[in-house]
Amino acid sequence: MRVNLICGFLGSGKTTLVRRILRERAGRERMAVIVNEFGEVGIDGEVLRGHSVDMIEISSGCLCCTLRGSLISAVEELRDKVGAERVVVESTGVAQPGELVETLGDPVLRGTVTLGPIVTVVDVAKFPAFRKVLGPFYTAQVERADVLLLNKTDLSGPERLATVRREVAALNPRATLVATERCEVDLGLIMDAVGGNAEPSALEQGLGAPAPAASFVSLVVGVPFDAERAKVERFFAALSVNVIRAKGFMNIDGEPTLVQFAAGQLEITPAAVPRAFNMVFIGHDLNEPALRAGIAETAHG
């Protein structure tokens, strides 16, 4: 069974890439997906439904630390009970690839799991800011990758792309670099080679000082009402910088929508009716009363 790890910080485009994989590959082999959500409510799993593949959602933690046993159990289940030929793991944005590789090397999986290329999706526009704020915690995701997708090139100019390409290549000269818009990439490049970069990063060697995943918190806010688009846009435009990522489903102007926000950029797209209308906020020192009140104020009327 081949396992493909999809990594990248919050809002980089991992779910977009997994959706592309499912559209193009789901009918060609027995495929399954493991989605790791940092918050208590699974939004990405809801987005990925409808492709006739087995899916396991693991929420409320990070696969590389508190949920390592859950990842092993999920892979075992897909191997032994489902007979999956390929498992795509969409890790939470705060996961460390090296620790995921270590987990997948557990004795109970050894000899039955082949690790495909480790793919890290990098948001080109936000790379300099995230690197400055998060330091080794963020760059470790770049250093351990086999393939680096320099994503969202449509939101950054050629000079920014050239600068980020140089910086990323310096951090990881072994990786294959591909510039993408909405993760449009040859899937053979990211799925079919043998991966699992064996050289540990400075962080994994204990030479760096990570920003611990525990420093991120999540908050789920129910949105059981019809919202007004203009009010939604104003709410997100005024969000505190402590909110790094927000995603979820809202009914806006009478239509179900997928709402995604990452470091100042808001995307609202049509969606199928979800199981529940919720927004998940991820960041540092979240002001729960203010967020709940702000969402409530987006209602029509």
C-alpha atoms as a PDB file:
ATOM      1  CA  MET A   1       0.000   0.000   0.000  1.00  0.00           C
ATOM      2  CA  ARG A   2       1.362   3.409  -0.982  1.00  0.00           C
ATOM      3  CA  VAL A   3       0.891   6.357   1.392  1.00  0.00           C
ATOM      4  CA  ASN A   4       1.143   9.929   0.122  1.00  0.00           C
ATOM      5  CA  LEU A   5       1.644  12.702   2.681  1.00  0.00           C
ATOM      6  CA  ILE A   6       0.271  16.141   1.829  1.00  0.00           C
ATOM      7  CA  CYS A   7       1.696  18.809   4.137  1.00  0.00           C
ATOM      8  CA  GLY A   8       1.675  22.594   4.268  1.00  0.00           C
ATOM      9  CA  PHE A   9       0.754  25.355   6.651  1.00  0.00           C
ATOM     10  CA  LEU A  10      -2.823  26.463   7.310  1.00  0.00           C
ATOM     11  CA  GLY A  11      -4.534  27.775   4.195  1.00  0.00           C
ATOM     12  CA  SER A  12      -1.784  26.832   1.733  1.00  0.00           C
ATOM     13  CA  GLY A  13      -4.041  24.769  -0.547  1.00  0.00           C
ATOM     14  CA  LYS A  14      -3.755  21.172   0.699  1.00  0.00           C
ATOM     15  CA  THR A  15      -7.470  20.434   0.393  1.00  0.00           C
ATOM     16  CA  THR A  16      -7.485  21.862  -3.132  1.00  0.00           C
ATOM     17  CA  LEU A  17      -4.678  19.459  -4.041  1.00  0.00           C
ATOM     18  CA  VAL A  18      -6.451  16.461  -2.504  1.00  0.00           C
ATOM     19  CA  ARG A  19      -9.631  17.334  -4.401  1.00  0.00           C
ATOM     20  CA  ARG A  20      -7.602  17.353  -7.613  1.00  0.00           C
ATOM     21  CA  ILE A  21      -6.109  13.961  -6.764  1.00  0.00           C
ATOM     22  CA  LEU A  22      -9.542  12.496  -6.114  1.00  0.00           C
ATOM     23  CA  ARG A  23     -11.000  13.891  -9.341  1.00  0.00           C
ATOM     24  CA  GLU A  24      -8.192  12.477 -11.475  1.00  0.00           C
ATOM     25  CA  ARG A  25      -7.198   9.290  -9.662  1.00  0.00           C
ATOM     26  CA  ALA A  26     -10.106   7.974  -7.581  1.00  0.00           C
ATOM     27  CA  GLY A  27     -11.408   5.694 -10.328  1.00  0.00           C
ATOM     28  CA  ARG A  28      -8.029   4.237 -11.284  1.00  0.00           C
ATOM     29  CA  GLU A  29      -7.160   2.425  -8.033  1.00  0.00           C
ATOM     30  CA  ARG A  30      -8.572   1.552  -4.620  1.00  0.00           C
ATOM     31  CA  MET A  31      -7.932   4.891  -2.931  1.00  0.00           C
ATOM     32  CA  ALA A  32      -8.633   6.140   0.585  1.00  0.00           C
ATOM     33  CA  VAL A  33      -8.119   9.455   2.348  1.00  0.00           C
ATOM     34  CA  ILE A  34      -7.167  10.326   5.914  1.00  0.00           C
ATOM     35  CA  VAL A  35      -8.015  13.909   6.835  1.00  0.00           C
ATOM     36  CA  ASN A  36      -6.497  15.400   9.978  1.00  0.00           C
ATOM     37  CA  GLU A  37      -8.384  18.431  11.289  1.00  0.00           C
ATOM     38  CA  PHE A  38      -6.861  20.607  13.991  1.00  0.00           C
ATOM     39  CA  GLY A  39     -10.280  21.742  15.196  1.00  0.00           C
ATOM     40  CA  GLU A  40     -13.117  19.707  16.658  1.00  0.00           C
ATOM     41  CA  VAL A  41     -15.310  19.967  13.556  1.00  0.00           C
ATOM     42  CA  GLY A  42     -14.217  18.379  10.276  1.00  0.00           C
ATOM     43  CA  ILE A  43     -14.565  20.903   7.457  1.00  0.00           C
ATOM     44  CA  ASP A  44     -12.082  19.455   4.953  1.00  0.00           C
ATOM     45  CA  GLY A  45     -13.674  16.013   5.193  1.00  0.00           C
ATOM     46  CA  GLU A  46     -17.016  17.549   4.287  1.00  0.00           C
ATOM     47  CA  VAL A  47     -15.425  19.335   1.309  1.00  0.00           C
ATOM     48  CA  LEU A  48     -13.855  16.102   0.033  1.00  0.00           C
ATOM     49  CA  ARG A  49     -16.986  13.960   0.174  1.00  0.00           C
ATOM     50  CA  GLY A  50     -18.648  12.657  -2.962  1.00  0.00           C
ATOM     51  CA  HIS A  51     -15.744  10.909  -4.699  1.00  0.00           C
ATOM     52  CA  SER A  52     -16.669   7.299  -3.781  1.00  0.00           C
ATOM     53  CA  VAL A  53     -13.527   6.742  -1.715  1.00  0.00           C
ATOM     54  CA  ASP A  54     -13.089   5.503   1.834  1.00  0.00           C
ATOM     55  CA  MET A  55     -12.383   8.375   4.194  1.00  0.00           C
ATOM     56  CA  ILE A  56     -11.283   8.578   7.814  1.00  0.00           C
ATOM     57  CA  GLU A  57     -11.456  11.910   9.624  1.00  0.00           C
ATOM     58  CA  ILE A  58      -9.237  12.461  12.659  1.00  0.00           C
ATOM     59  CA  SER A  59     -10.030  15.676  14.510  1.00  0.00           C
ATOM     60  CA  SER A  60      -9.114  17.620  17.645  1.00  0.00           C
ATOM     61  CA  GLY A  61      -5.356  17.297  17.398  1.00  0.00           C
ATOM     62  CA  CYS A  62      -2.257  16.812  15.300  1.00  0.00           C
ATOM     63  CA  LEU A  63      -1.199  13.470  13.795  1.00  0.00           C
ATOM     64  CA  CYS A  64       2.467  14.120  14.503  1.00  0.00           C
ATOM     65  CA  CYS A  65       2.024  14.465  18.259  1.00  0.00           C
ATOM     66  CA  THR A  66      -1.175  13.724  20.218  1.00  0.00           C
ATOM     67  CA  LEU A  67      -2.807  11.555  17.531  1.00  0.00           C
ATOM     68  CA  ARG A  68       0.078   9.352  16.358  1.00  0.00           C
ATOM     69  CA  GLY A  69      -1.704   6.202  17.506  1.00  0.00           C
ATOM     70  CA  SER A  70      -4.816   7.281  15.627  1.00  0.00           C
ATOM     71  CA  LEU A  71      -2.845   7.581  12.379  1.00  0.00           C
ATOM     72  CA  ILE A  72      -1.363   4.087  12.780  1.00  0.00           C
ATOM     73  CA  SER A  73      -4.800   2.625  13.537  1.00  0.00           C
ATOM     74  CA  ALA A  74      -6.355   4.388  10.547  1.00  0.00           C
ATOM     75  CA  VAL A  75      -3.687   3.107   8.158  1.00  0.00           C
ATOM     76  CA  GLU A  76      -4.029  -0.423   9.582  1.00  0.00           C
ATOM     77  CA  GLU A  77      -7.797  -0.318   9.095  1.00  0.00           C
ATOM     78  CA  LEU A  78      -7.515   0.852   5.496  1.00  0.00           C
ATOM     79  CA  ARG A  79      -4.898  -1.813   4.790  1.00  0.00           C
ATOM     80  CA  ASP A  80      -6.555  -4.783   6.490  1.00  0.00           C
ATOM     81  CA  LYS A  81     -10.294  -4.107   6.245  1.00  0.00           C
ATOM     82  CA  VAL A  82     -10.616  -1.977   3.112  1.00  0.00           C
ATOM     83  CA  GLY A  83      -7.727  -3.249   1.017  1.00  0.00           C
ATOM     84  CA  ALA A  84      -6.723   0.236  -0.051  1.00  0.00           C
ATOM     85  CA  GLU A  85      -3.966   0.417  -2.651  1.00  0.00           C
ATOM     86  CA  ARG A  86      -3.227   4.069  -1.959  1.00  0.00           C
ATOM     87  CA  VAL A  87      -3.875   6.287   1.052  1.00  0.00           C
ATOM     88  CA  VAL A  88      -3.624  10.054   0.783  1.00  0.00           C
ATOM     89  CA  VAL A  89      -3.011  11.735   4.149  1.00  0.00           C
ATOM     90  CA  GLU A  90      -3.957  15.412   4.354  1.00  0.00           C
ATOM     91  CA  SER A  91      -2.181  16.531   7.510  1.00  0.00           C
ATOM     92  CA  THR A  92      -3.202  19.454   9.648  1.00  0.00           C
ATOM     93  CA  GLY A  93      -1.351  22.669   8.875  1.00  0.00           C
ATOM     94  CA  VAL A  94       0.684  22.451  12.079  1.00  0.00           C
ATOM     95  CA  ALA A  95       1.992  18.909  11.507  1.00  0.00           C
ATOM     96  CA  GLN A  96       5.704  18.152  11.075  1.00  0.00           C
ATOM     97  CA  PRO A  97       6.510  15.836   8.122  1.00  0.00           C
ATOM     98  CA  GLY A  98       9.459  14.193   9.857  1.00  0.00           C
ATOM     99  CA  GLU A  99       7.330  13.037  12.756  1.00  0.00           C
ATOM    100  CA  LEU A 100       4.683  11.708  10.381  1.00  0.00           C
ATOM    101  CA  VAL A 101       7.357   9.689   8.547  1.00  0.00           C
ATOM    102  CA  GLU A 102       8.557   8.318  11.876  1.00  0.00           C
ATOM    103  CA  THR A 103       4.993   7.322  12.789  1.00  0.00           C
ATOM    104  CA  LEU A 104       4.476   5.534   9.468  1.00  0.00           C
ATOM    105  CA  GLY A 105       7.679   3.592  10.132  1.00  0.00           C
ATOM    106  CA  ASP A 106       6.074   1.895  13.142  1.00  0.00           C
ATOM    107  CA  PRO A 107       6.767  -1.882  13.285  1.00  0.00           C
ATOM    108  CA  VAL A 108       3.093  -2.739  12.757  1.00  0.00           C
ATOM    109  CA  LEU A 109       3.213  -1.052   9.338  1.00  0.00           C
ATOM    110  CA  ARG A 110       6.747  -1.932   8.305  1.00  0.00           C
ATOM    111  CA  GLY A 111       6.998  -3.938   5.122  1.00  0.00           C
ATOM    112  CA  THR A 112       3.440  -3.186   4.018  1.00  0.00           C
ATOM    113  CA  VAL A 113       3.565   0.586   3.508  1.00  0.00           C
ATOM    114  CA  THR A 114       5.515   2.392   0.775  1.00  0.00           C
ATOM    115  CA  LEU A 115       5.841   6.111   1.355  1.00  0.00           C
ATOM    116  CA  GLY A 116       5.284   8.244  -1.723  1.00  0.00           C
ATOM    117  CA  PRO A 117       6.902  11.639  -2.158  1.00  0.00           C
ATOM    118  CA  ILE A 118       6.299  13.996   0.759  1.00  0.00           C
ATOM    119  CA  VAL A 119       4.542  16.997  -0.768  1.00  0.00           C
ATOM    120  CA  THR A 120       4.515  20.367   0.969  1.00  0.00           C
ATOM    121  CA  VAL A 121       2.251  23.087  -0.399  1.00  0.00           C
ATOM    122  CA  VAL A 122       3.712  26.576   0.085  1.00  0.00           C
ATOM    123  CA  ASP A 123       1.631  29.749  -0.164  1.00  0.00           C
ATOM    124  CA  VAL A 124       4.022  31.975  -2.125  1.00  0.00           C
ATOM    125  CA  ALA A 125       2.388  35.242  -1.086  1.00  0.00           C
ATOM    126  CA  LYS A 126       2.523  34.429   2.621  1.00  0.00           C
ATOM    127  CA  PHE A 127       5.836  32.559   2.764  1.00  0.00           C
ATOM    128  CA  PRO A 128       7.993  35.514   3.928  1.00  0.00           C
ATOM    129  CA  ALA A 129       5.573  36.476   6.713  1.00  0.00           C
ATOM    130  CA  PHE A 130       5.060  32.916   7.949  1.00  0.00           C
ATOM    131  CA  ARG A 131       8.801  32.241   7.895  1.00  0.00           C
ATOM    132  CA  LYS A 132       9.465  35.378   9.937  1.00  0.00           C
ATOM    133  CA  VAL A 133       6.770  34.699  12.525  1.00  0.00           C
ATOM    134  CA  LEU A 134       7.008  30.901  12.838  1.00  0.00           C
ATOM    135  CA  GLY A 135      10.684  30.296  12.109  1.00  0.00           C
ATOM    136  CA  PRO A 136      11.950  26.679  12.209  1.00  0.00           C
ATOM    137  CA  PHE A 137       8.469  25.343  12.954  1.00  0.00           C
ATOM    138  CA  TYR A 138       7.382  26.538   9.505  1.00  0.00           C
ATOM    139  CA  THR A 139      10.564  25.929   7.536  1.00  0.00           C
ATOM    140  CA  ALA A 140      10.755  22.306   8.760  1.00  0.00           C
ATOM    141  CA  GLN A 141       7.775  21.582   6.501  1.00  0.00           C
ATOM    142  CA  VAL A 142       9.855  22.862   3.577  1.00  0.00           C
ATOM    143  CA  GLU A 143      13.111  21.154   4.548  1.00  0.00           C
ATOM    144  CA  ARG A 144      11.660  17.642   4.752  1.00  0.00           C
ATOM    145  CA  ALA A 145       9.639  17.673   1.514  1.00  0.00           C
ATOM    146  CA  ASP A 146      10.424  15.689  -1.630  1.00  0.00           C
ATOM    147  CA  VAL A 147       8.220  17.953  -3.762  1.00  0.00           C
ATOM    148  CA  LEU A 148       7.434  21.596  -3.013  1.00  0.00           C
ATOM    149  CA  LEU A 149       4.426  23.185  -4.691  1.00  0.00           C
ATOM    150  CA  LEU A 150       4.887  26.950  -4.778  1.00  0.00           C
ATOM    151  CA  ASN A 151       1.166  27.589  -4.825  1.00  0.00           C
ATOM    152  CA  LYS A 152      -1.133  30.582  -5.351  1.00  0.00           C
ATOM    153  CA  THR A 153       1.187  32.163  -7.901  1.00  0.00           C
ATOM    154  CA  ASP A 154      -1.813  34.068  -9.221  1.00  0.00           C
ATOM    155  CA  LEU A 155      -1.851  36.029  -5.951  1.00  0.00           C
ATOM    156  CA  SER A 156       1.813  37.025  -6.050  1.00  0.00           C
ATOM    157  CA  GLY A 157       3.916  38.808  -8.631  1.00  0.00           C
ATOM    158  CA  PRO A 158       6.872  37.324 -10.549  1.00  0.00           C
ATOM    159  CA  GLU A 159       9.395  39.050  -8.284  1.00  0.00           C
ATOM    160  CA  ARG A 160       7.876  37.510  -5.144  1.00  0.00           C
ATOM    161  CA  LEU A 161       7.794  34.089  -6.821  1.00  0.00           C
ATOM    162  CA  ALA A 162      11.451  34.370  -7.840  1.00  0.00           C
ATOM    163  CA  THR A 163      12.467  35.407  -4.318  1.00  0.00           C
ATOM    164  CA  VAL A 164      10.518  32.601  -2.645  1.00  0.00           C
ATOM    165  CA  ARG A 165      11.872  30.067  -5.137  1.00  0.00           C
ATOM    166  CA  ARG A 166      15.455  31.061  -4.233  1.00  0.00           C
ATOM    167  CA  GLU A 167      14.757  30.917  -0.481  1.00  0.00           C
ATOM    168  CA  VAL A 168      12.970  27.589  -0.673  1.00  0.00           C
ATOM    169  CA  ALA A 169      15.698  26.068  -2.865  1.00  0.00           C
ATOM    170  CA  ALA A 170      18.281  27.173  -0.307  1.00  0.00           C
ATOM    171  CA  LEU A 171      16.321  25.514   2.498  1.00  0.00           C
ATOM    172  CA  ASN A 172      15.848  22.277   0.555  1.00  0.00           C
ATOM    173  CA  PRO A 173      18.077  21.859  -2.524  1.00  0.00           C
ATOM    174  CA  ARG A 174      17.009  18.177  -2.851  1.00  0.00           C
ATOM    175  CA  ALA A 175      13.316  18.874  -3.494  1.00  0.00           C
ATOM    176  CA  THR A 176      11.559  19.237  -6.815  1.00  0.00           C
ATOM    177  CA  LEU A 177      10.044  22.721  -7.064  1.00  0.00           C
ATOM    178  CA  VAL A 178       6.866  23.353  -9.054  1.00  0.00           C
ATOM    179  CA  ALA A 179       5.079  26.695  -9.322  1.00  0.00           C
ATOM    180  CA  THR A 180       1.308  26.205  -9.324  1.00  0.00           C
ATOM    181  CA  GLU A 181      -1.996  28.017  -9.384  1.00  0.00           C
ATOM    182  CA  ARG A 182      -4.695  26.196  -7.410  1.00  0.00           C
ATOM    183  CA  CYS A 183      -2.324  23.200  -7.174  1.00  0.00           C
ATOM    184  CA  GLU A 184      -2.482  22.394 -10.888  1.00  0.00           C
ATOM    185  CA  VAL A 185       0.356  19.875 -11.216  1.00  0.00           C
ATOM    186  CA  ASP A 186       1.231  16.601 -12.961  1.00  0.00           C
ATOM    187  CA  LEU A 187       0.024  14.094 -10.365  1.00  0.00           C
ATOM    188  CA  GLY A 188       2.567  11.508 -11.481  1.00  0.00           C
ATOM    189  CA  LEU A 189       5.273  13.834 -10.183  1.00  0.00           C
ATOM    190  CA  ILE A 190       3.835  14.031  -6.694  1.00  0.00           C
ATOM    191  CA  MET A 191       2.361  10.562  -6.258  1.00  0.00           C
ATOM    192  CA  ASP A 192       4.261   7.830  -8.038  1.00  0.00           C
ATOM    193  CA  ALA A 193       7.938   8.186  -7.088  1.00  0.00           C
ATOM    194  CA  VAL A 194       9.358   6.731  -3.890  1.00  0.00           C
ATOM    195  CA  GLY A 195       9.606   9.381  -1.210  1.00  0.00           C
ATOM    196  CA  GLY A 196      10.359   9.906   2.422  1.00  0.00           C
ATOM    197  CA  ASN A 197      13.299  12.317   2.566  1.00  0.00           C
ATOM    198  CA  ALA A 198      15.622  10.561   5.003  1.00  0.00           C
ATOM    199  CA  GLU A 199      17.752  13.526   6.007  1.00  0.00           C
ATOM    200  CA  PRO A 200      16.387  15.148   9.187  1.00  0.00           C
ATOM    201  CA  SER A 201      15.926  18.883   9.359  1.00  0.00           C
ATOM    202  CA  ALA A 202      17.698  21.134  11.845  1.00  0.00           C
ATOM    203  CA  LEU A 203      14.503  21.179  13.886  1.00  0.00           C
ATOM    204  CA  GLU A 204      14.364  17.372  14.071  1.00  0.00           C
ATOM    205  CA  GLN A 205      18.023  17.258  15.111  1.00  0.00           C
ATOM    206  CA  GLY A 206      17.227  19.534  18.027  1.00  0.00           C
ATOM    207  CA  LEU A 207      19.093  22.475  16.517  1.00  0.00           C
ATOM    208  CA  GLY A 208      16.035  24.652  16.069  1.00  0.00           C
ATOM    209  CA  ALA A 209      13.420  26.029  18.419  1.00  0.00           C
ATOM    210  CA  PRO A 210       9.916  25.221  17.126  1.00  0.00           C
ATOM    211  CA  ALA A 211       6.774  27.169  17.809  1.00  0.00           C
ATOM    212  CA  PRO A 212       4.870  24.273  19.432  1.00  0.00           C
ATOM    213  CA  ALA A 213       1.668  23.117  17.792  1.00  0.00           C
ATOM    214  CA  ALA A 214       0.057  23.461  21.206  1.00  0.00           C
ATOM    215  CA  SER A 215       0.384  27.235  20.876  1.00  0.00           C
ATOM    216  CA  PHE A 216      -2.340  27.139  18.207  1.00  0.00           C
ATOM    217  CA  VAL A 217      -5.939  26.938  19.356  1.00  0.00           C
ATOM    218  CA  SER A 218      -9.202  26.398  17.512  1.00  0.00           C
ATOM    219  CA  LEU A 219     -12.724  27.647  18.091  1.00  0.00           C
ATOM    220  CA  VAL A 220     -15.937  26.325  16.516  1.00  0.00           C
ATOM    221  CA  VAL A 221     -18.779  28.818  16.066  1.00  0.00           C
ATOM    222  CA  GLY A 222     -22.209  27.673  14.902  1.00  0.00           C
ATOM    223  CA  VAL A 223     -23.839  29.736  12.146  1.00  0.00           C
ATOM    224  CA  PRO A 224     -27.496  28.623  12.157  1.00  0.00           C
ATOM    225  CA  PHE A 225     -28.819  31.627  10.222  1.00  0.00           C
ATOM    226  CA  ASP A 226     -28.764  33.277   6.814  1.00  0.00           C
ATOM    227  CA  ALA A 227     -25.926  35.793   6.581  1.00  0.00           C
ATOM    228  CA  GLU A 228     -25.501  38.853   4.393  1.00  0.00           C
ATOM    229  CA  ARG A 229     -22.464  38.712   2.121  1.00  0.00           C
ATOM    230  CA  ALA A 230     -21.444  42.343   2.627  1.00  0.00           C
ATOM    231  CA  LYS A 231     -21.515  41.875   6.403  1.00  0.00           C
ATOM    232  CA  VAL A 232     -19.495  38.656   6.131  1.00  0.00           C
ATOM    233  CA  GLU A 233     -16.849  40.453   4.078  1.00  0.00           C
ATOM    234  CA  ARG A 234     -16.669  43.304   6.614  1.00  0.00           C
ATOM    235  CA  PHE A 235     -16.355  40.845   9.494  1.00  0.00           C
ATOM    236  CA  PHE A 236     -13.392  39.043   7.947  1.00  0.00           C
ATOM    237  CA  ALA A 237     -11.748  42.284   6.827  1.00  0.00           C
ATOM    238  CA  ALA A 238     -11.714  43.429  10.460  1.00  0.00           C
ATOM    239  CA  LEU A 239     -10.493  40.161  12.004  1.00  0.00           C
ATOM    240  CA  SER A 240      -7.658  40.249  14.496  1.00  0.00           C
ATOM    241  CA  VAL A 241      -4.230  39.231  13.205  1.00  0.00           C
ATOM    242  CA  ASN A 242      -4.379  36.458  15.816  1.00  0.00           C
ATOM    243  CA  VAL A 243      -6.757  34.582  13.487  1.00  0.00           C
ATOM    244  CA  ILE A 244      -4.462  32.822  11.030  1.00  0.00           C
ATOM    245  CA  ARG A 245      -7.060  30.583   9.437  1.00  0.00           C
ATOM    246  CA  ALA A 246     -10.841  30.248   9.327  1.00  0.00           C
ATOM    247  CA  LYS A 247     -12.949  27.823   7.321  1.00  0.00           C
ATOM    248  CA  GLY A 248     -16.447  26.475   7.340  1.00  0.00           C
ATOM    249  CA  PHE A 249     -19.901  26.569   5.868  1.00  0.00           C
ATOM    250  CA  MET A 250     -22.340  29.485   6.023  1.00  0.00           C
ATOM    251  CA  ASN A 251     -25.692  30.147   4.427  1.00  0.00           C
ATOM    252  CA  ILE A 252     -25.096  33.482   2.671  1.00  0.00           C
ATOM    253  CA  ASP A 253     -27.913  35.332   0.920  1.00  0.00           C
ATOM    254  CA  GLY A 254     -29.947  32.128   0.901  1.00  0.00           C
ATOM    255  CA  GLU A 255     -27.234  29.908  -0.610  1.00  0.00           C
ATOM    256  CA  PRO A 256     -24.921  27.377   1.113  1.00  0.00           C
ATOM    257  CA  THR A 257     -21.294  28.459   0.724  1.00  0.00           C
ATOM    258  CA  LEU A 258     -17.809  27.344   1.684  1.00  0.00           C
ATOM    259  CA  VAL A 259     -16.030  30.198   3.448  1.00  0.00           C
ATOM    260  CA  GLN A 260     -12.231  30.136   3.673  1.00  0.00           C
ATOM    261  CA  PHE A 261      -9.984  32.803   5.188  1.00  0.00           C
ATOM    262  CA  ALA A 262      -6.203  32.712   5.462  1.00  0.00           C
ATOM    263  CA  ALA A 263      -3.943  35.544   6.606  1.00  0.00           C
ATOM    264  CA  GLY A 264      -6.102  38.357   5.278  1.00  0.00           C
ATOM    265  CA  GLN A 265      -7.560  36.704   2.168  1.00  0.00           C
ATOM    266  CA  LEU A 266     -11.213  35.660   2.001  1.00  0.00           C
ATOM    267  CA  GLU A 267     -12.739  33.179  -0.445  1.00  0.00           C
ATOM    268  CA  ILE A 268     -16.475  32.471  -0.646  1.00  0.00           C
ATOM    269  CA  THR A 269     -17.588  29.737  -3.049  1.00  0.00           C
ATOM    270  CA  PRO A 270     -20.867  27.842  -3.644  1.00  0.00           C
ATOM    271  CA  ALA A 271     -21.175  24.519  -1.820  1.00  0.00           C
ATOM    272  CA  ALA A 272     -23.526  21.597  -1.422  1.00  0.00           C
ATOM    273  CA  VAL A 273     -25.710  21.670   1.660  1.00  0.00           C
ATOM    274  CA  PRO A 274     -23.405  20.543   4.525  1.00  0.00           C
ATOM    275  CA  ARG A 275     -24.250  18.440   7.532  1.00  0.00           C
ATOM    276  CA  ALA A 276     -23.980  21.568   9.704  1.00  0.00           C
ATOM    277  CA  PHE A 277     -23.256  25.261   9.319  1.00  0.00           C
ATOM    278  CA  ASN A 278     -20.142  26.016  11.386  1.00  0.00           C
ATOM    279  CA  MET A 279     -17.045  28.182  11.166  1.00  0.00           C
ATOM    280  CA  VAL A 280     -13.723  27.012  12.617  1.00  0.00           C
ATOM    281  CA  PHE A 281     -11.190  29.674  13.641  1.00  0.00           C
ATOM    282  CA  ILE A 282      -7.515  28.762  14.200  1.00  0.00           C
ATOM    283  CA  GLY A 283      -4.834  31.011  15.644  1.00  0.00           C
ATOM    284  CA  HIS A 284      -3.302  32.360  18.836  1.00  0.00           C
ATOM    285  CA  ASP A 285      -5.108  33.862  21.850  1.00  0.00           C
ATOM    286  CA  LEU A 286      -8.482  33.886  20.123  1.00  0.00           C
ATOM    287  CA  ASN A 287     -11.055  36.306  21.535  1.00  0.00           C
ATOM    288  CA  GLU A 288     -14.022  33.935  21.719  1.00  0.00           C
ATOM    289  CA  PRO A 289     -16.698  36.493  22.768  1.00  0.00           C
ATOM    290  CA  ALA A 290     -15.666  38.892  19.999  1.00  0.00           C
ATOM    291  CA  LEU A 291     -15.642  36.176  17.338  1.00  0.00           C
ATOM    292  CA  ARG A 292     -19.048  34.827  18.352  1.00  0.00           C
ATOM    293  CA  ALA A 293     -20.533  38.317  18.472  1.00  0.00           C
ATOM    294  CA  GLY A 294     -18.968  39.268  15.142  1.00  0.00           C
ATOM    295  CA  ILE A 295     -20.349  36.206  13.365  1.00  0.00           C
ATOM    296  CA  ALA A 296     -23.807  36.849  14.876  1.00  0.00           C
ATOM    297  CA  GLU A 297     -23.750  40.391  13.467  1.00  0.00           C
ATOM    298  CA  THR A 298     -23.456  39.051   9.894  1.00  0.00           C
ATOM    299  CA  ALA A 299     -27.070  37.849   9.968  1.00  0.00           C
ATOM    300  CA  HIS A 300     -29.611  39.453   7.645  1.00  0.00           C
ATOM    301  CA  GLY A 301     -31.794  42.137   9.155  1.00  0.00           C
END
